[in-house]
N, C-alpha and C. Protein backbone atom coordinates (compact mmCIF):
# COMPACT_ATOMS: atom_id res chain seq x y z
N MET A 1 138.31 110.89 105.18
CA MET A 1 137.43 111.53 105.32
C MET A 1 137.93 112.60 104.72
N ALA A 2 137.04 113.53 104.19
CA ALA A 2 137.52 114.85 103.14
C ALA A 2 137.73 115.56 104.83
N GLU A 3 138.84 116.59 103.85
CA GLU A 3 139.71 117.89 104.77
C GLU A 3 138.39 118.70 105.34
N GLY A 4 138.42 119.04 106.49
CA GLY A 4 137.44 119.87 107.14
C GLY A 4 136.42 118.98 108.00
N ASP A 5 136.30 117.78 107.38
CA ASP A 5 135.39 116.74 108.22
C ASP A 5 135.92 116.51 109.72
N THR A 6 134.86 116.90 110.74
CA THR A 6 135.24 116.91 112.10
C THR A 6 135.04 115.85 112.82
N ARG A 7 134.16 114.67 111.76
CA ARG A 7 133.57 113.50 112.50
C ARG A 7 134.89 112.90 113.06
N GLU A 8 134.63 111.98 114.00
CA GLU A 8 135.62 111.11 114.43
C GLU A 8 135.57 109.67 113.20
N ALA A 9 136.73 109.07 113.31
CA ALA A 9 136.59 107.94 112.26
C ALA A 9 135.93 107.11 113.01
N GLY A 10 134.78 106.54 111.67
CA GLY A 10 133.98 105.22 111.77
C GLY A 10 132.55 106.04 112.09
N GLU A 11 132.76 107.28 112.51
CA GLU A 11 131.78 108.00 112.76
C GLU A 11 130.67 108.51 111.59
N SER A 12 129.33 107.93 111.41
CA SER A 12 128.72 108.30 110.58
C SER A 12 127.62 109.51 110.78
N THR A 13 127.24 109.88 109.42
CA THR A 13 126.46 110.80 109.41
C THR A 13 125.25 110.58 109.07
N LYS A 14 124.16 110.93 109.97
CA LYS A 14 122.81 110.52 110.04
C LYS A 14 121.95 111.29 108.84
N PRO A 15 121.53 111.17 107.93
CA PRO A 15 120.58 111.69 107.02
C PRO A 15 119.53 112.48 107.62
N GLN A 16 118.98 113.69 106.86
CA GLN A 16 118.14 114.31 107.22
C GLN A 16 117.03 113.63 106.98
N ILE A 17 115.95 113.46 107.85
CA ILE A 17 114.52 112.87 107.79
C ILE A 17 113.44 113.58 107.47
N ASP A 18 112.80 113.78 106.46
CA ASP A 18 111.24 114.43 106.30
C ASP A 18 110.40 113.39 106.09
N ILE A 19 109.14 113.80 106.50
CA ILE A 19 108.08 112.49 106.51
C ILE A 19 106.93 113.26 106.17
N TYR A 20 106.44 113.01 105.05
CA TYR A 20 105.16 113.74 104.71
C TYR A 20 103.62 112.96 104.89
N TYR A 21 102.80 113.21 105.89
CA TYR A 21 101.79 112.01 106.42
C TYR A 21 100.77 112.78 106.55
N ALA A 22 99.41 112.12 106.85
CA ALA A 22 98.30 112.67 107.09
C ALA A 22 97.71 112.16 108.14
N ARG A 23 97.13 113.18 108.88
CA ARG A 23 96.62 112.64 110.34
C ARG A 23 95.70 111.36 110.51
N VAL A 24 95.19 111.45 109.31
CA VAL A 24 94.14 109.79 108.88
C VAL A 24 94.70 108.84 109.03
N CYS A 25 95.83 108.77 108.20
CA CYS A 25 96.38 107.55 107.83
C CYS A 25 97.26 106.79 108.69
N GLY A 26 96.69 105.79 108.47
CA GLY A 26 97.19 104.60 109.92
C GLY A 26 98.63 104.10 109.46
N LEU A 27 98.97 103.92 108.42
CA LEU A 27 100.58 103.50 107.77
C LEU A 27 101.44 104.76 107.80
N CYS A 28 100.88 105.80 108.21
CA CYS A 28 101.67 107.12 108.13
C CYS A 28 102.13 106.94 109.75
N THR A 29 101.32 106.76 110.61
CA THR A 29 101.47 106.75 112.10
C THR A 29 102.63 105.31 112.46
N LYS A 30 102.57 104.30 111.52
CA LYS A 30 103.38 103.12 111.77
C LYS A 30 104.23 103.40 111.43
N ALA A 31 104.89 104.52 110.21
CA ALA A 31 106.00 105.03 109.75
C ALA A 31 106.46 105.92 111.14
N VAL A 32 106.30 106.88 111.37
CA VAL A 32 106.73 107.81 112.37
C VAL A 32 106.96 106.93 113.77
N GLU A 33 106.45 105.76 113.90
CA GLU A 33 106.43 104.94 114.97
C GLU A 33 107.87 104.46 114.97
N PHE A 34 107.94 103.63 113.82
CA PHE A 34 109.23 103.01 113.37
C PHE A 34 110.52 104.35 113.58
N PHE A 35 110.26 105.20 112.70
CA PHE A 35 111.41 106.32 113.14
C PHE A 35 111.62 106.70 114.60
N ARG A 36 110.27 106.82 115.43
CA ARG A 36 110.68 107.14 116.65
C ARG A 36 111.60 105.67 117.52
N SER A 37 111.02 104.62 117.25
CA SER A 37 111.32 103.42 117.74
C SER A 37 112.87 103.46 117.49
N ARG A 38 113.54 104.29 116.23
CA ARG A 38 114.91 104.09 115.95
C ARG A 38 115.83 105.25 116.91
N GLY A 39 114.86 106.01 117.21
CA GLY A 39 115.77 107.44 118.57
C GLY A 39 115.96 108.31 117.29
N ALA A 40 115.39 108.21 115.70
CA ALA A 40 116.18 108.91 114.96
C ALA A 40 115.10 110.50 114.93
N THR A 41 115.88 111.50 114.50
CA THR A 41 115.40 112.89 114.47
C THR A 41 114.73 112.90 113.22
N PHE A 42 113.63 113.62 113.09
CA PHE A 42 112.98 113.83 111.68
C PHE A 42 112.06 114.84 111.88
N THR A 43 111.48 115.38 110.89
CA THR A 43 110.65 116.59 110.92
C THR A 43 109.49 116.03 109.95
N ALA A 44 108.29 116.07 110.43
CA ALA A 44 107.14 115.60 110.07
C ALA A 44 106.27 116.62 109.36
N TYR A 45 105.90 116.74 108.32
CA TYR A 45 104.85 117.83 107.56
C TYR A 45 103.81 117.26 107.45
N ALA A 46 102.54 117.89 107.77
CA ALA A 46 101.12 117.58 107.63
C ALA A 46 100.72 117.84 106.45
N VAL A 47 99.85 116.77 105.79
CA VAL A 47 99.11 117.11 104.20
C VAL A 47 97.72 116.86 104.63
N GLU A 48 96.66 117.46 104.22
CA GLU A 48 95.31 116.74 104.28
C GLU A 48 94.81 116.38 102.96
N TRP A 49 94.06 115.01 103.42
CA TRP A 49 93.24 114.58 102.20
C TRP A 49 91.77 115.15 102.10
N ASP A 50 91.18 115.26 100.86
CA ASP A 50 90.01 116.09 100.57
C ASP A 50 89.49 114.64 100.09
N GLY A 51 88.45 114.09 100.56
CA GLY A 51 88.17 112.69 100.10
C GLY A 51 87.16 113.10 98.87
N GLU A 52 86.45 114.11 99.39
CA GLU A 52 85.35 114.90 98.03
C GLU A 52 85.69 114.89 96.88
N ASN A 53 87.31 115.32 96.96
CA ASN A 53 88.00 115.75 95.45
C ASN A 53 88.99 114.81 95.26
N ASP A 54 89.12 113.64 96.12
CA ASP A 54 90.28 112.72 95.52
C ASP A 54 91.32 113.12 95.64
N ALA A 55 91.83 114.39 96.10
CA ALA A 55 93.16 114.53 96.06
C ALA A 55 93.61 115.53 97.07
N PHE A 56 94.75 115.67 97.52
CA PHE A 56 95.46 116.52 98.96
C PHE A 56 94.80 118.15 98.89
N VAL A 57 94.71 118.56 99.77
CA VAL A 57 94.27 119.78 99.80
C VAL A 57 95.40 120.83 99.57
N ASP A 58 95.61 121.84 98.83
CA ASP A 58 96.42 122.82 98.54
C ASP A 58 96.99 123.46 99.58
N SER A 59 98.22 123.38 99.78
CA SER A 59 98.67 123.86 100.86
C SER A 59 100.46 123.62 100.59
N ALA A 60 101.27 124.93 101.48
CA ALA A 60 102.50 124.57 101.36
C ALA A 60 103.19 123.61 101.87
N ASN A 61 102.97 122.61 102.53
CA ASN A 61 103.55 121.32 102.81
C ASN A 61 102.65 120.42 101.26
N THR A 62 102.04 120.59 100.76
CA THR A 62 101.49 119.27 99.46
C THR A 62 102.23 119.98 98.81
N ARG A 63 102.49 121.20 98.42
CA ARG A 63 103.33 121.90 97.05
C ARG A 63 104.33 121.21 97.73
N ALA A 64 104.94 121.35 98.59
CA ALA A 64 106.67 121.14 98.85
C ALA A 64 106.69 119.22 98.68
N MET A 65 105.83 118.76 99.26
CA MET A 65 105.61 116.92 98.95
C MET A 65 105.63 116.86 97.25
N TYR A 66 104.81 117.46 96.45
CA TYR A 66 104.97 117.15 95.06
C TYR A 66 106.14 117.60 94.62
N GLU A 67 106.72 118.46 94.84
CA GLU A 67 108.44 119.05 94.23
C GLU A 67 109.04 118.03 94.40
N ARG A 68 109.13 117.58 95.81
CA ARG A 68 110.19 116.88 96.30
C ARG A 68 110.14 114.84 95.64
N CYS A 69 108.74 114.88 95.20
CA CYS A 69 108.39 113.79 94.75
C CYS A 69 108.46 113.44 93.02
N GLY A 70 108.36 114.87 92.72
CA GLY A 70 108.90 114.87 91.38
C GLY A 70 107.41 114.53 90.52
N GLU A 71 105.99 114.49 91.23
CA GLU A 71 105.16 114.54 90.60
C GLU A 71 104.06 114.57 91.81
N LYS A 72 102.84 114.67 91.47
CA LYS A 72 101.79 114.71 92.24
C LYS A 72 101.47 113.16 92.89
N VAL A 73 101.60 113.10 93.89
CA VAL A 73 101.31 111.67 94.63
C VAL A 73 99.49 111.61 95.35
N ASP A 74 99.33 110.64 95.29
CA ASP A 74 97.98 110.27 96.07
C ASP A 74 98.20 109.80 97.26
N PHE A 75 99.03 109.11 97.88
CA PHE A 75 99.14 108.58 99.27
C PHE A 75 100.45 109.05 99.82
N VAL A 76 99.85 108.94 101.06
CA VAL A 76 101.21 109.37 102.15
C VAL A 76 101.50 107.74 103.20
N PRO A 77 102.68 107.70 103.64
CA PRO A 77 103.43 108.74 104.00
C PRO A 77 104.45 108.73 102.85
N GLN A 78 105.04 109.96 102.30
CA GLN A 78 106.16 110.22 101.73
C GLN A 78 107.75 110.24 102.63
N MET A 79 108.65 109.72 102.39
CA MET A 79 109.53 109.73 103.49
C MET A 79 110.99 110.20 102.61
N PHE A 80 111.73 110.54 103.09
CA PHE A 80 112.97 111.02 102.52
C PHE A 80 113.71 111.23 103.66
N LEU A 81 114.88 110.42 103.12
CA LEU A 81 116.30 110.27 104.24
C LEU A 81 117.42 110.49 103.46
N GLY A 82 117.94 111.53 103.67
CA GLY A 82 118.66 111.74 102.62
C GLY A 82 118.19 112.24 101.43
N GLN A 83 118.93 111.51 100.33
CA GLN A 83 118.50 111.70 99.17
C GLN A 83 117.67 110.52 98.50
N THR A 84 117.17 109.75 99.65
CA THR A 84 116.76 108.53 99.45
C THR A 84 115.25 108.82 99.46
N HIS A 85 114.44 108.57 98.49
CA HIS A 85 112.97 108.55 98.47
C HIS A 85 112.61 107.44 98.81
N ILE A 86 111.40 107.15 99.92
CA ILE A 86 110.93 105.97 100.18
C ILE A 86 109.19 106.29 99.80
N LYS A 87 108.84 105.51 99.43
CA LYS A 87 107.42 105.78 98.43
C LYS A 87 106.32 105.12 99.56
N GLY A 88 105.73 105.57 100.70
CA GLY A 88 105.05 105.00 101.19
C GLY A 88 105.41 103.68 102.11
N TRP A 89 104.99 103.26 103.28
CA TRP A 89 104.78 102.34 104.22
C TRP A 89 105.12 100.70 103.54
N ARG A 90 104.51 100.61 102.17
CA ARG A 90 104.50 99.44 101.62
C ARG A 90 106.09 99.31 100.99
N LYS A 91 106.65 100.27 100.74
CA LYS A 91 108.07 100.16 100.19
C LYS A 91 108.87 100.00 101.46
N LEU A 92 108.61 100.90 102.77
CA LEU A 92 109.29 100.79 103.75
C LEU A 92 109.23 99.77 104.61
N GLU A 93 108.14 98.90 104.44
CA GLU A 93 108.19 97.56 105.50
C GLU A 93 109.19 96.59 105.17
N PRO A 94 109.22 96.17 103.72
CA PRO A 94 110.03 95.45 103.50
C PRO A 94 111.70 95.79 103.65
N MET A 95 111.97 97.02 103.43
CA MET A 95 113.36 97.72 103.74
C MET A 95 113.80 97.23 105.30
N ILE A 96 112.39 97.38 106.22
CA ILE A 96 112.51 97.24 107.60
C ILE A 96 112.70 95.66 107.51
N GLU A 97 112.16 94.90 106.86
CA GLU A 97 112.05 93.55 107.39
C GLU A 97 113.40 92.81 106.68
N SER A 98 114.04 93.30 105.68
CA SER A 98 115.17 92.79 104.98
C SER A 98 116.38 93.08 106.03
N GLY A 99 116.24 94.19 106.57
CA GLY A 99 117.52 94.94 107.54
C GLY A 99 118.26 96.25 106.39
N GLU A 100 117.53 96.32 105.05
CA GLU A 100 118.15 97.47 104.27
C GLU A 100 118.19 98.54 105.01
N ILE A 101 116.99 99.07 105.54
CA ILE A 101 116.90 100.17 106.12
C ILE A 101 117.99 100.61 107.51
N ASP A 102 118.50 99.60 107.88
CA ASP A 102 119.34 99.76 108.80
C ASP A 102 121.05 100.52 108.51
N THR A 103 121.04 100.63 107.42
CA THR A 103 121.83 101.41 106.89
C THR A 103 121.66 102.70 106.75
N LEU A 104 120.53 102.82 106.75
CA LEU A 104 120.05 104.55 106.83
C LEU A 104 119.64 104.96 108.18
N VAL A 105 119.22 104.22 108.72
CA VAL A 105 118.66 104.10 110.23
C VAL A 105 119.28 103.20 111.05
N PRO A 106 120.32 103.26 111.59
CA PRO A 106 120.84 102.28 112.50
C PRO A 106 119.88 102.08 113.48
N LYS A 107 119.99 100.55 114.31
CA LYS A 107 119.05 100.54 115.33
C LYS A 107 119.86 101.39 116.64
N PRO A 108 119.08 101.60 117.52
CA PRO A 108 119.68 102.06 119.01
C PRO A 108 120.73 101.41 119.58
């Protein structure tokens, strides 16, 4: 352990979890429910989809999401677990099924 680290031996740090979601997104709901089922603490940022313009409505959350993703994205959820970016439910679901997600978000 690094000097000044006050964790007990064997205690891991949990990554900060940020989720960008849209209220009308069913897969966003599945992602949020997964993290809740793990007892994970996360911050959720709502973005709004404008179907007429086929783009997210400009907002502080939308701009922050684009910046963190490194590009304009056209789907949510966009999830950040520490430095790990998970691009949508279709990337998260196989991580859950394989157990890969367990290293980032342990089972309760």
